[in-house]
PDB file of N, CA and C in Angstrom:
ATOM      1  N   MET A   1       0.834  -1.177   0.000  1.00  0.00           N
ATOM      2  CA  MET A   1       0.000   0.000   0.000  1.00  0.00           C
ATOM      3  C   MET A   1       0.877   1.238   0.000  1.00  0.00           C
ATOM      4  N   LYS A   2       0.623   2.164  -0.877  1.00  0.00           N
ATOM      5  CA  LYS A   2       1.372   3.405  -0.897  1.00  0.00           C
ATOM      6  C   LYS A   2       0.886   4.298   0.226  1.00  0.00           C
ATOM      7  N   GLU A   3       1.818   5.100   0.748  1.00  0.00           N
ATOM      8  CA  GLU A   3       1.451   6.043   1.778  1.00  0.00           C
ATOM      9  C   GLU A   3       1.068   7.362   1.142  1.00  0.00           C
ATOM     10  N   SER A   4       0.099   8.036   1.707  1.00  0.00           N
ATOM     11  CA  SER A   4      -0.211   9.384   1.269  1.00  0.00           C
ATOM     12  C   SER A   4       0.041  10.313   2.433  1.00  0.00           C
ATOM     13  N   ILE A   5       0.481  11.517   2.126  1.00  0.00           N
ATOM     14  CA  ILE A   5       0.895  12.457   3.153  1.00  0.00           C
ATOM     15  C   ILE A   5       0.161  13.767   2.954  1.00  0.00           C
ATOM     16  N   GLU A   6      -0.432  14.289   4.036  1.00  0.00           N
ATOM     17  CA  GLU A   6      -1.046  15.606   4.026  1.00  0.00           C
ATOM     18  C   GLU A   6      -0.252  16.463   4.992  1.00  0.00           C
ATOM     19  N   GLN A   7       0.241  17.634   4.517  1.00  0.00           N
ATOM     20  CA  GLN A   7       1.097  18.445   5.363  1.00  0.00           C
ATOM     21  C   GLN A   7       1.051  19.896   4.928  1.00  0.00           C
ATOM     22  N   ASP A   8       1.064  20.810   5.910  1.00  0.00           N
ATOM     23  CA  ASP A   8       1.281  22.220   5.655  1.00  0.00           C
ATOM     24  C   ASP A   8       2.759  22.479   5.874  1.00  0.00           C
ATOM     25  N   SER A   9       3.285  23.552   5.287  1.00  0.00           N
ATOM     26  CA  SER A   9       4.709  23.816   5.441  1.00  0.00           C
ATOM     27  C   SER A   9       4.960  24.686   6.667  1.00  0.00           C
ATOM     28  N   GLU A  10       5.916  24.282   7.471  1.00  0.00           N
ATOM     29  CA  GLU A  10       6.376  25.037   8.626  1.00  0.00           C
ATOM     30  C   GLU A  10       7.672  24.383   9.069  1.00  0.00           C
ATOM     31  N   GLU A  11       8.635  25.195   9.493  1.00  0.00           N
ATOM     32  CA  GLU A  11       9.933  24.671   9.879  1.00  0.00           C
ATOM     33  C   GLU A  11       9.849  23.982  11.242  1.00  0.00           C
ATOM     34  N   ILE A  12      10.536  22.847  11.371  1.00  0.00           N
ATOM     35  CA  ILE A  12      10.556  22.059  12.596  1.00  0.00           C
ATOM     36  C   ILE A  12      11.908  22.247  13.270  1.00  0.00           C
ATOM     37  N   ARG A  13      11.901  22.531  14.587  1.00  0.00           N
ATOM     38  CA  ARG A  13      13.162  22.663  15.323  1.00  0.00           C
ATOM     39  C   ARG A  13      13.667  21.276  15.715  1.00  0.00           C
ATOM     40  N   ASP A  14      14.993  21.171  15.856  1.00  0.00           N
ATOM     41  CA  ASP A  14      15.616  19.893  16.197  1.00  0.00           C
ATOM     42  C   ASP A  14      15.277  19.423  17.612  1.00  0.00           C
ATOM     43  N   ASP A  15      14.951  20.335  18.527  1.00  0.00           N
ATOM     44  CA  ASP A  15      14.742  19.966  19.924  1.00  0.00           C
ATOM     45  C   ASP A  15      13.279  19.676  20.265  1.00  0.00           C
ATOM     46  N   GLN A  16      12.398  19.668  19.291  1.00  0.00           N
ATOM     47  CA  GLN A  16      10.987  19.455  19.564  1.00  0.00           C
ATOM     48  C   GLN A  16      10.674  17.975  19.791  1.00  0.00           C
ATOM     49  N   THR A  17       9.718  17.723  20.677  1.00  0.00           N
ATOM     50  CA  THR A  17       9.224  16.375  20.913  1.00  0.00           C
ATOM     51  C   THR A  17       8.055  16.123  19.972  1.00  0.00           C
ATOM     52  N   TYR A  18       8.031  14.956  19.387  1.00  0.00           N
ATOM     53  CA  TYR A  18       6.977  14.567  18.452  1.00  0.00           C
ATOM     54  C   TYR A  18       5.887  13.820  19.198  1.00  0.00           C
ATOM     55  N   LEU A  19       4.648  14.265  19.040  1.00  0.00           N
ATOM     56  CA  LEU A  19       3.490  13.550  19.552  1.00  0.00           C
ATOM     57  C   LEU A  19       2.819  12.885  18.367  1.00  0.00           C
ATOM     58  N   LEU A  20       2.877  11.555  18.330  1.00  0.00           N
ATOM     59  CA  LEU A  20       2.386  10.776  17.201  1.00  0.00           C
ATOM     60  C   LEU A  20       1.251   9.873  17.653  1.00  0.00           C
ATOM     61  N   LYS A  21       0.174   9.865  16.886  1.00  0.00           N
ATOM     62  CA  LYS A  21      -0.941   8.958  17.153  1.00  0.00           C
ATOM     63  C   LYS A  21      -1.087   8.031  15.959  1.00  0.00           C
ATOM     64  N   LEU A  22      -1.057   6.736  16.230  1.00  0.00           N
ATOM     65  CA  LEU A  22      -1.227   5.737  15.185  1.00  0.00           C
ATOM     66  C   LEU A  22      -2.599   5.102  15.355  1.00  0.00           C
ATOM     67  N   TYR A  23      -3.459   5.329  14.377  1.00  0.00           N
ATOM     68  CA  TYR A  23      -4.807   4.762  14.390  1.00  0.00           C
ATOM     69  C   TYR A  23      -4.772   3.405  13.695  1.00  0.00           C
ATOM     70  N   VAL A  24      -5.256   2.386  14.404  1.00  0.00           N
ATOM     71  CA  VAL A  24      -5.258   1.018  13.893  1.00  0.00           C
ATOM     72  C   VAL A  24      -6.642   0.413  14.077  1.00  0.00           C
ATOM     73  N   ALA A  25      -6.831  -0.755  13.481  1.00  0.00           N
ATOM     74  CA  ALA A  25      -8.078  -1.508  13.652  1.00  0.00           C
ATOM     75  C   ALA A  25      -7.712  -2.913  14.087  1.00  0.00           C
ATOM     76  N   GLY A  26      -7.445  -3.068  15.365  1.00  0.00           N
ATOM     77  CA  GLY A  26      -7.076  -4.371  15.893  1.00  0.00           C
ATOM     78  C   GLY A  26      -5.638  -4.742  15.560  1.00  0.00           C
ATOM     79  N   GLN A  27      -5.371  -6.021  15.581  1.00  0.00           N
ATOM     80  CA  GLN A  27      -4.025  -6.553  15.360  1.00  0.00           C
ATOM     81  C   GLN A  27      -3.865  -7.111  13.941  1.00  0.00           C
ATOM     82  N   THR A  28      -4.366  -6.392  12.947  1.00  0.00           N
ATOM     83  CA  THR A  28      -4.218  -6.847  11.565  1.00  0.00           C
ATOM     84  C   THR A  28      -2.741  -6.792  11.171  1.00  0.00           C
ATOM     85  N   PRO A  29      -2.333  -7.576  10.184  1.00  0.00           N
ATOM     86  CA  PRO A  29      -0.926  -7.547   9.767  1.00  0.00           C
ATOM     87  C   PRO A  29      -0.445  -6.151   9.358  1.00  0.00           C
ATOM     88  N   LYS A  30      -1.271  -5.391   8.650  1.00  0.00           N
ATOM     89  CA  LYS A  30      -0.863  -4.040   8.244  1.00  0.00           C
ATOM     90  C   LYS A  30      -0.684  -3.119   9.442  1.00  0.00           C
ATOM     91  N   CYS A  31      -1.561  -3.232  10.412  1.00  0.00           N
ATOM     92  CA  CYS A  31      -1.474  -2.382  11.594  1.00  0.00           C
ATOM     93  C   CYS A  31      -0.259  -2.739  12.443  1.00  0.00           C
ATOM     94  N   VAL A  32       0.004  -4.020  12.603  1.00  0.00           N
ATOM     95  CA  VAL A  32       1.177  -4.468  13.353  1.00  0.00           C
ATOM     96  C   VAL A  32       2.447  -4.015  12.643  1.00  0.00           C
ATOM     97  N   LYS A  33       2.470  -4.140  11.312  1.00  0.00           N
ATOM     98  CA  LYS A  33       3.630  -3.707  10.540  1.00  0.00           C
ATOM     99  C   LYS A  33       3.827  -2.194  10.640  1.00  0.00           C
ATOM    100  N   ALA A  34       2.735  -1.444  10.603  1.00  0.00           N
ATOM    101  CA  ALA A  34       2.833   0.019  10.717  1.00  0.00           C
ATOM    102  C   ALA A  34       3.450   0.415  12.053  1.00  0.00           C
ATOM    103  N   PHE A  35       3.028  -0.229  13.136  1.00  0.00           N
ATOM    104  CA  PHE A  35       3.581   0.088  14.447  1.00  0.00           C
ATOM    105  C   PHE A  35       5.061  -0.270  14.521  1.00  0.00           C
ATOM    106  N   ALA A  36       5.424  -1.436  14.015  1.00  0.00           N
ATOM    107  CA  ALA A  36       6.832  -1.843  14.031  1.00  0.00           C
ATOM    108  C   ALA A  36       7.683  -0.884  13.206  1.00  0.00           C
ATOM    109  N   ASN A  37       7.189  -0.494  12.044  1.00  0.00           N
ATOM    110  CA  ASN A  37       7.926   0.448  11.202  1.00  0.00           C
ATOM    111  C   ASN A  37       8.058   1.805  11.886  1.00  0.00           C
ATOM    112  N   LEU A  38       6.979   2.281  12.494  1.00  0.00           N
ATOM    113  CA  LEU A  38       7.010   3.571  13.180  1.00  0.00           C
ATOM    114  C   LEU A  38       7.990   3.553  14.341  1.00  0.00           C
ATOM    115  N   ARG A  39       7.939   2.499  15.132  1.00  0.00           N
ATOM    116  CA  ARG A  39       8.851   2.400  16.272  1.00  0.00           C
ATOM    117  C   ARG A  39      10.310   2.393  15.815  1.00  0.00           C
ATOM    118  N   ALA A  40      10.601   1.668  14.741  1.00  0.00           N
ATOM    119  CA  ALA A  40      11.970   1.615  14.224  1.00  0.00           C
ATOM    120  C   ALA A  40      12.416   2.993  13.716  1.00  0.00           C
ATOM    121  N   ILE A  41      11.545   3.679  13.006  1.00  0.00           N
ATOM    122  CA  ILE A  41      11.876   5.012  12.497  1.00  0.00           C
ATOM    123  C   ILE A  41      12.126   5.970  13.659  1.00  0.00           C
ATOM    124  N   CYS A  42      11.267   5.939  14.651  1.00  0.00           N
ATOM    125  CA  CYS A  42      11.416   6.835  15.794  1.00  0.00           C
ATOM    126  C   CYS A  42      12.689   6.546  16.579  1.00  0.00           C
ATOM    127  N   GLU A  43      12.987   5.280  16.824  1.00  0.00           N
ATOM    128  CA  GLU A  43      14.199   4.932  17.558  1.00  0.00           C
ATOM    129  C   GLU A  43      15.453   5.363  16.799  1.00  0.00           C
ATOM    130  N   THR A  44      15.421   5.255  15.485  1.00  0.00           N
ATOM    131  CA  THR A  44      16.581   5.604  14.672  1.00  0.00           C
ATOM    132  C   THR A  44      16.750   7.114  14.528  1.00  0.00           C
ATOM    133  N   HIS A  45      15.645   7.837  14.338  1.00  0.00           N
ATOM    134  CA  HIS A  45      15.735   9.243  13.961  1.00  0.00           C
ATOM    135  C   HIS A  45      15.248  10.231  15.018  1.00  0.00           C
ATOM    136  N   LEU A  46      14.547   9.758  16.047  1.00  0.00           N
ATOM    137  CA  LEU A  46      13.992  10.656  17.065  1.00  0.00           C
ATOM    138  C   LEU A  46      14.271  10.170  18.479  1.00  0.00           C
ATOM    139  N   SER A  47      15.312   9.438  18.669  1.00  0.00           N
ATOM    140  CA  SER A  47      15.579   8.798  19.950  1.00  0.00           C
ATOM    141  C   SER A  47      15.365   9.760  21.127  1.00  0.00           C
ATOM    142  N   GLY A  48      14.402   9.393  21.990  1.00  0.00           N
ATOM    143  CA  GLY A  48      14.118  10.190  23.171  1.00  0.00           C
ATOM    144  C   GLY A  48      13.291  11.436  22.929  1.00  0.00           C
ATOM    145  N   LYS A  49      12.868  11.676  21.700  1.00  0.00           N
ATOM    146  CA  LYS A  49      12.133  12.906  21.379  1.00  0.00           C
ATOM    147  C   LYS A  49      10.758  12.607  20.782  1.00  0.00           C
ATOM    148  N   TYR A  50      10.125  11.519  21.220  1.00  0.00           N
ATOM    149  CA  TYR A  50       8.825  11.182  20.650  1.00  0.00           C
ATOM    150  C   TYR A  50       7.954  10.456  21.666  1.00  0.00           C
ATOM    151  N   ASN A  51       6.652  10.590  21.463  1.00  0.00           N
ATOM    152  CA  ASN A  51       5.650   9.821  22.200  1.00  0.00           C
ATOM    153  C   ASN A  51       4.688   9.256  21.169  1.00  0.00           C
ATOM    154  N   ILE A  52       4.437   7.952  21.249  1.00  0.00           N
ATOM    155  CA  ILE A  52       3.510   7.292  20.337  1.00  0.00           C
ATOM    156  C   ILE A  52       2.289   6.847  21.132  1.00  0.00           C
ATOM    157  N   GLU A  53       1.121   7.203  20.620  1.00  0.00           N
ATOM    158  CA  GLU A  53      -0.138   6.741  21.199  1.00  0.00           C
ATOM    159  C   GLU A  53      -0.816   5.855  20.157  1.00  0.00           C
ATOM    160  N   ILE A  54      -1.145   4.625  20.530  1.00  0.00           N
ATOM    161  CA  ILE A  54      -1.842   3.707  19.639  1.00  0.00           C
ATOM    162  C   ILE A  54      -3.330   3.798  19.950  1.00  0.00           C
ATOM    163  N   ILE A  55      -4.132   4.055  18.927  1.00  0.00           N
ATOM    164  CA  ILE A  55      -5.577   4.171  19.105  1.00  0.00           C
ATOM    165  C   ILE A  55      -6.234   3.081  18.265  1.00  0.00           C
ATOM    166  N   ASP A  56      -6.844   2.120  18.945  1.00  0.00           N
ATOM    167  CA  ASP A  56      -7.513   1.000  18.284  1.00  0.00           C
ATOM    168  C   ASP A  56      -8.973   1.374  18.053  1.00  0.00           C
ATOM    169  N   LEU A  57      -9.315   1.616  16.804  1.00  0.00           N
ATOM    170  CA  LEU A  57     -10.662   2.054  16.471  1.00  0.00           C
ATOM    171  C   LEU A  57     -11.697   0.940  16.572  1.00  0.00           C
ATOM    172  N   THR A  58     -11.272  -0.321  16.718  1.00  0.00           N
ATOM    173  CA  THR A  58     -12.255  -1.382  16.962  1.00  0.00           C
ATOM    174  C   THR A  58     -12.785  -1.294  18.389  1.00  0.00           C
ATOM    175  N   LYS A  59     -11.992  -0.719  19.288  1.00  0.00           N
ATOM    176  CA  LYS A  59     -12.404  -0.571  20.684  1.00  0.00           C
ATOM    177  C   LYS A  59     -13.050   0.791  20.944  1.00  0.00           C
ATOM    178  N   ASN A  60     -12.562   1.823  20.276  1.00  0.00           N
ATOM    179  CA  ASN A  60     -13.056   3.188  20.484  1.00  0.00           C
ATOM    180  C   ASN A  60     -13.213   3.902  19.151  1.00  0.00           C
ATOM    181  N   PRO A  61     -14.207   3.553  18.355  1.00  0.00           N
ATOM    182  CA  PRO A  61     -14.343   4.153  17.025  1.00  0.00           C
ATOM    183  C   PRO A  61     -14.560   5.661  17.049  1.00  0.00           C
ATOM    184  N   GLN A  62     -15.128   6.187  18.124  1.00  0.00           N
ATOM    185  CA  GLN A  62     -15.385   7.617  18.204  1.00  0.00           C
ATOM    186  C   GLN A  62     -14.094   8.435  18.269  1.00  0.00           C
ATOM    187  N   LEU A  63     -12.983   7.832  18.673  1.00  0.00           N
ATOM    188  CA  LEU A  63     -11.719   8.558  18.774  1.00  0.00           C
ATOM    189  C   LEU A  63     -11.159   8.962  17.406  1.00  0.00           C
ATOM    190  N   GLY A  64     -11.605   8.331  16.360  1.00  0.00           N
ATOM    191  CA  GLY A  64     -11.138   8.675  15.015  1.00  0.00           C
ATOM    192  C   GLY A  64     -11.793   9.913  14.445  1.00  0.00           C
ATOM    193  N   ARG A  65     -12.875  10.346  15.030  1.00  0.00           N
ATOM    194  CA  ARG A  65     -13.601  11.507  14.496  1.00  0.00           C
ATOM    195  C   ARG A  65     -12.802  12.797  14.602  1.00  0.00           C
ATOM    196  N   ALA A  66     -12.149  13.009  15.722  1.00  0.00           N
ATOM    197  CA  ALA A  66     -11.422  14.260  15.949  1.00  0.00           C
ATOM    198  C   ALA A  66     -10.340  14.488  14.893  1.00  0.00           C
ATOM    199  N   ASP A  67      -9.658  13.418  14.493  1.00  0.00           N
ATOM    200  CA  ASP A  67      -8.599  13.537  13.482  1.00  0.00           C
ATOM    201  C   ASP A  67      -9.090  13.173  12.088  1.00  0.00           C
ATOM    202  N   GLN A  68     -10.397  12.973  11.932  1.00  0.00           N
ATOM    203  CA  GLN A  68     -11.006  12.663  10.638  1.00  0.00           C
ATOM    204  C   GLN A  68     -10.297  11.487   9.954  1.00  0.00           C
ATOM    205  N   ILE A  69     -10.237  10.371  10.654  1.00  0.00           N
ATOM    206  CA  ILE A  69      -9.576   9.171  10.149  1.00  0.00           C
ATOM    207  C   ILE A  69     -10.492   8.458   9.166  1.00  0.00           C
ATOM    208  N   LEU A  70      -9.998   8.278   7.945  1.00  0.00           N
ATOM    209  CA  LEU A  70     -10.782   7.642   6.892  1.00  0.00           C
ATOM    210  C   LEU A  70     -10.204   6.305   6.452  1.00  0.00           C
ATOM    211  N   ALA A  71      -8.951   6.031   6.800  1.00  0.00           N
ATOM    212  CA  ALA A  71      -8.283   4.799   6.389  1.00  0.00           C
ATOM    213  C   ALA A  71      -7.425   4.312   7.554  1.00  0.00           C
ATOM    214  N   ILE A  72      -7.149   3.021   7.547  1.00  0.00           N
ATOM    215  CA  ILE A  72      -6.363   2.397   8.610  1.00  0.00           C
ATOM    216  C   ILE A  72      -5.235   1.607   7.962  1.00  0.00           C
ATOM    217  N   PRO A  73      -4.032   1.631   8.472  1.00  0.00           N
ATOM    218  CA  PRO A  73      -3.538   2.453   9.559  1.00  0.00           C
ATOM    219  C   PRO A  73      -3.251   3.889   9.093  1.00  0.00           C
ATOM    220  N   THR A  74      -3.418   4.843  10.015  1.00  0.00           N
ATOM    221  CA  THR A  74      -3.103   6.247   9.763  1.00  0.00           C
ATOM    222  C   THR A  74      -2.275   6.774  10.917  1.00  0.00           C
ATOM    223  N   LEU A  75      -1.175   7.428  10.572  1.00  0.00           N
ATOM    224  CA  LEU A  75      -0.325   8.097  11.556  1.00  0.00           C
ATOM    225  C   LEU A  75      -0.650   9.579  11.518  1.00  0.00           C
ATOM    226  N   VAL A  76      -0.865  10.158  12.690  1.00  0.00           N
ATOM    227  CA  VAL A  76      -1.120  11.595  12.786  1.00  0.00           C
ATOM    228  C   VAL A  76      -0.048  12.208  13.681  1.00  0.00           C
ATOM    229  N   ARG A  77       0.645  13.217  13.133  1.00  0.00           N
ATOM    230  CA  ARG A  77       1.611  13.969  13.943  1.00  0.00           C
ATOM    231  C   ARG A  77       0.877  15.185  14.490  1.00  0.00           C
ATOM    232  N   HIS A  78       0.690  15.222  15.809  1.00  0.00           N
ATOM    233  CA  HIS A  78       0.041  16.360  16.454  1.00  0.00           C
ATOM    234  C   HIS A  78       1.054  17.433  16.816  1.00  0.00           C
ATOM    235  N   LEU A  79       2.203  17.026  17.284  1.00  0.00           N
ATOM    236  CA  LEU A  79       3.282  17.955  17.604  1.00  0.00           C
ATOM    237  C   LEU A  79       4.547  17.448  16.971  1.00  0.00           C
ATOM    238  N   PRO A  80       5.406  18.304  16.485  1.00  0.00           N
ATOM    239  CA  PRO A  80       5.221  19.743  16.355  1.00  0.00           C
ATOM    240  C   PRO A  80       4.192  20.068  15.278  1.00  0.00           C
ATOM    241  N   SER A  81       3.604  21.245  15.413  1.00  0.00           N
ATOM    242  CA  SER A  81       2.636  21.714  14.422  1.00  0.00           C
ATOM    243  C   SER A  81       3.353  21.948  13.103  1.00  0.00           C
ATOM    244  N   PRO A  82       2.676  21.847  12.008  1.00  0.00           N
ATOM    245  CA  PRO A  82       1.261  21.611  11.795  1.00  0.00           C
ATOM    246  C   PRO A  82       0.939  20.118  11.838  1.00  0.00           C
ATOM    247  N   LEU A  83      -0.345  19.811  11.944  1.00  0.00           N
ATOM    248  CA  LEU A  83      -0.830  18.443  11.933  1.00  0.00           C
ATOM    249  C   LEU A  83      -0.501  17.793  10.586  1.00  0.00           C
ATOM    250  N   VAL A  84      -0.011  16.557  10.632  1.00  0.00           N
ATOM    251  CA  VAL A  84       0.350  15.804   9.426  1.00  0.00           C
ATOM    252  C   VAL A  84      -0.273  14.422   9.535  1.00  0.00           C
ATOM    253  N   LYS A  85      -0.799  13.912   8.419  1.00  0.00           N
ATOM    254  CA  LYS A  85      -1.341  12.550   8.377  1.00  0.00           C
ATOM    255  C   LYS A  85      -0.590  11.746   7.327  1.00  0.00           C
ATOM    256  N   ILE A  86      -0.253  10.511   7.689  1.00  0.00           N
ATOM    257  CA  ILE A  86       0.373   9.576   6.761  1.00  0.00           C
ATOM    258  C   ILE A  86      -0.449   8.292   6.817  1.00  0.00           C
ATOM    259  N   ILE A  87      -0.944   7.882   5.674  1.00  0.00           N
ATOM    260  CA  ILE A  87      -1.782   6.689   5.588  1.00  0.00           C
ATOM    261  C   ILE A  87      -0.966   5.547   5.006  1.00  0.00           C
ATOM    262  N   GLY A  88      -1.023   4.389   5.636  1.00  0.00           N
ATOM    263  CA  GLY A  88      -0.339   3.215   5.108  1.00  0.00           C
ATOM    264  C   GLY A  88       0.452   2.505   6.183  1.00  0.00           C
ATOM    265  N   ASP A  89       1.244   1.514   5.770  1.00  0.00           N
ATOM    266  CA  ASP A  89       1.975   0.693   6.737  1.00  0.00           C
ATOM    267  C   ASP A  89       3.332   1.274   7.117  1.00  0.00           C
ATOM    268  N   LEU A  90       3.654   2.470   6.620  1.00  0.00           N
ATOM    269  CA  LEU A  90       4.867   3.204   6.973  1.00  0.00           C
ATOM    270  C   LEU A  90       6.142   2.460   6.580  1.00  0.00           C
ATOM    271  N   SER A  91       6.054   1.617   5.556  1.00  0.00           N
ATOM    272  CA  SER A  91       7.215   0.828   5.141  1.00  0.00           C
ATOM    273  C   SER A  91       8.196   1.627   4.291  1.00  0.00           C
ATOM    274  N   ASN A  92       7.757   2.731   3.696  1.00  0.00           N
ATOM    275  CA  ASN A  92       8.653   3.579   2.911  1.00  0.00           C
ATOM    276  C   ASN A  92       9.252   4.627   3.847  1.00  0.00           C
ATOM    277  N   THR A  93      10.375   4.291   4.445  1.00  0.00           N
ATOM    278  CA  THR A  93      10.995   5.137   5.464  1.00  0.00           C
ATOM    279  C   THR A  93      11.264   6.539   4.956  1.00  0.00           C
ATOM    280  N   GLU A  94      11.759   6.664   3.749  1.00  0.00           N
ATOM    281  CA  GLU A  94      12.078   7.979   3.202  1.00  0.00           C
ATOM    282  C   GLU A  94      10.835   8.871   3.135  1.00  0.00           C
ATOM    283  N   ARG A  95       9.722   8.317   2.671  1.00  0.00           N
ATOM    284  CA  ARG A  95       8.473   9.101   2.590  1.00  0.00           C
ATOM    285  C   ARG A  95       7.963   9.479   3.984  1.00  0.00           C
ATOM    286  N   VAL A  96       8.119   8.583   4.945  1.00  0.00           N
ATOM    287  CA  VAL A  96       7.685   8.890   6.305  1.00  0.00           C
ATOM    288  C   VAL A  96       8.549  10.011   6.881  1.00  0.00           C
ATOM    289  N   LEU A  97       9.851   9.941   6.688  1.00  0.00           N
ATOM    290  CA  LEU A  97      10.747  10.994   7.179  1.00  0.00           C
ATOM    291  C   LEU A  97      10.401  12.340   6.560  1.00  0.00           C
ATOM    292  N   VAL A  98      10.156  12.362   5.258  1.00  0.00           N
ATOM    293  CA  VAL A  98       9.772  13.602   4.580  1.00  0.00           C
ATOM    294  C   VAL A  98       8.434  14.089   5.126  1.00  0.00           C
ATOM    295  N   GLY A  99       7.480  13.190   5.264  1.00  0.00           N
ATOM    296  CA  GLY A  99       6.159  13.553   5.743  1.00  0.00           C
ATOM    297  C   GLY A  99       6.174  14.117   7.158  1.00  0.00           C
ATOM    298  N   LEU A 100       7.048  13.587   8.001  1.00  0.00           N
ATOM    299  CA  LEU A 100       7.152  14.048   9.379  1.00  0.00           C
ATOM    300  C   LEU A 100       8.155  15.190   9.543  1.00  0.00           C
ATOM    301  N   SER A 101       8.783  15.612   8.452  1.00  0.00           N
ATOM    302  CA  SER A 101       9.803  16.680   8.465  1.00  0.00           C
ATOM    303  C   SER A 101      10.971  16.321   9.385  1.00  0.00           C
ATOM    304  N   ILE A 102      11.442  15.077   9.246  1.00  0.00           N
ATOM    305  CA  ILE A 102      12.581  14.598  10.025  1.00  0.00           C
ATOM    306  C   ILE A 102      13.783  14.501   9.100  1.00  0.00           C
ATOM    307  N   GLN A 103      14.901  15.070   9.548  1.00  0.00           N
ATOM    308  CA  GLN A 103      16.140  14.967   8.795  1.00  0.00           C
ATOM    309  C   GLN A 103      16.763  13.612   9.077  1.00  0.00           C
ATOM    310  N   PRO A 104      17.102  12.842   8.017  1.00  0.00           N
ATOM    311  CA  PRO A 104      17.727  11.532   8.245  1.00  0.00           C
ATOM    312  C   PRO A 104      19.055  11.660   8.977  1.00  0.00           C
ATOM    313  N   ASN A 105      19.357  10.667   9.805  1.00  0.00           N
ATOM    314  CA  ASN A 105      20.644  10.661  10.529  1.00  0.00           C
ATOM    315  C   ASN A 105      21.768  10.341   9.578  1.00  0.00           C
TER     316      ASN A 105
END
């Protein structure tokens, strides 16, 4: 599955903490892969500067309304601003880094 990225332009400082929400639907293979890929990217490129919240829409479907979640899995970057959404299993590391405005190590 290709990832799609929605983003406004704004410069990101190196010292900012990333607040990331990963919307999933249970323990499907794509959702599990998305979490593993996200964790690996964060450990490699944001060590100590990120918080990941996993939101399972099978348990709490109403939680997807606030971020207008239309597809699963979806990663939403809440901080630093602006809000960014990446849809897919996050397997294309380069696209995820660009989408999250992270400079590769």
